[in-house]
Protein backbone atom coordinates (compact mmCIF):
# COMPACT_ATOMS: atom_id res chain seq x y z
CA MET A 1 -0.36 0.03 -0.57
CA LYS A 2 1.06 3.55 -1.28
CA VAL A 3 0.53 6.66 -0.49
CA GLY A 4 -2.88 7.54 -3.30
CA ASP A 5 -4.11 4.29 -2.84
CA ILE A 6 -7.80 3.13 -3.11
CA VAL A 7 -9.37 1.68 -0.44
CA ARG A 8 -11.91 -0.27 1.76
CA VAL A 9 -12.05 -0.28 5.52
CA LYS A 10 -12.71 -3.59 5.93
CA GLY A 11 -11.86 -3.99 9.83
CA ASN A 12 -10.40 -6.38 11.73
CA TRP A 13 -12.39 -7.29 15.07
CA GLN A 14 -8.75 -9.22 15.90
CA VAL A 15 -6.79 -5.17 16.36
CA ARG A 16 -10.53 -3.13 17.36
CA ASN A 17 -12.22 -4.08 20.37
CA PRO A 18 -15.93 -4.00 20.33
CA ASP A 19 -16.25 -2.55 23.60
CA TRP A 20 -13.83 0.13 22.31
CA ASN A 21 -16.06 4.07 22.48
CA ASP A 22 -13.25 5.43 20.09
CA ALA A 23 -14.67 2.09 17.50
CA TRP A 24 -16.10 3.91 13.75
CA PRO A 25 -18.43 0.78 12.56
CA GLU A 26 -20.04 2.34 10.16
CA CYS A 27 -16.87 3.38 8.58
CA TYR A 28 -16.45 0.01 7.55
CA GLY A 29 -16.72 -0.72 4.45
CA GLN A 30 -16.11 2.39 2.63
CA VAL A 31 -14.01 3.98 0.83
CA GLY A 32 -10.91 5.78 1.60
CA VAL A 33 -7.90 7.16 0.19
CA ILE A 34 -4.59 7.21 1.86
CA VAL A 35 -3.24 10.14 2.75
CA GLU A 36 -0.37 9.38 4.76
CA LEU A 37 1.74 5.97 5.89
CA LEU A 38 3.40 5.80 9.17
CA HIS A 39 5.34 3.46 11.33
CA ALA A 40 6.17 3.30 14.87
CA ALA A 41 8.35 0.99 15.76
CA SER A 42 6.09 -0.27 19.26
CA THR A 43 2.76 -0.55 17.71
CA LEU A 44 1.48 -2.35 13.72
CA PRO A 45 2.01 0.05 10.77
CA LEU A 46 -0.68 2.86 10.18
CA ALA A 47 -2.32 4.64 7.83
CA ASN A 48 -4.30 7.73 6.99
CA ILE A 49 -7.23 7.70 5.27
CA ILE A 50 -9.94 10.00 4.45
CA VAL A 51 -13.20 7.92 4.03
CA LEU A 52 -17.05 10.00 5.17
CA GLY A 53 -15.39 12.96 4.15
CA ALA A 54 -13.73 12.58 7.59
CA MET A 55 -9.31 12.30 7.80
CA ASP A 56 -8.47 9.37 10.52
CA GLN A 57 -6.22 6.38 11.36
CA PHE A 58 -6.41 2.47 10.97
CA TYR A 59 -4.25 -0.58 10.74
CA LEU A 60 -3.49 -2.27 7.07
CA ASP A 61 -4.78 -4.84 8.00
CA GLU A 62 -7.89 -3.08 8.14
CA LEU A 63 -7.11 -1.45 3.95
CA GLU A 64 -7.47 -4.13 1.05
CA VAL A 65 -7.12 -2.23 -2.07
CA VAL A 66 -9.34 -1.13 -3.95
CA ASN A 67 -7.83 0.60 -6.76
CA ALA A 68 -3.51 1.21 -6.29
CA ALA A 69 -2.26 4.62 -7.22
CA ARG A 70 -0.23 4.83 -10.70
């Protein structure tokens, strides 16, 4: 995955606890665009994506590429 890729938020309930208050379930299944990739040594790789008109962070394993940037 890279910046500009169009992705679908598939979610991953193994990573996010369903009782977690910050979960954003209405974005699951929606399409967004990667605007920044974030790599921290202590966590899984993250991406900032714009989905439903807002920017939020998702783990890369919560996303699937729909159309790769060319």
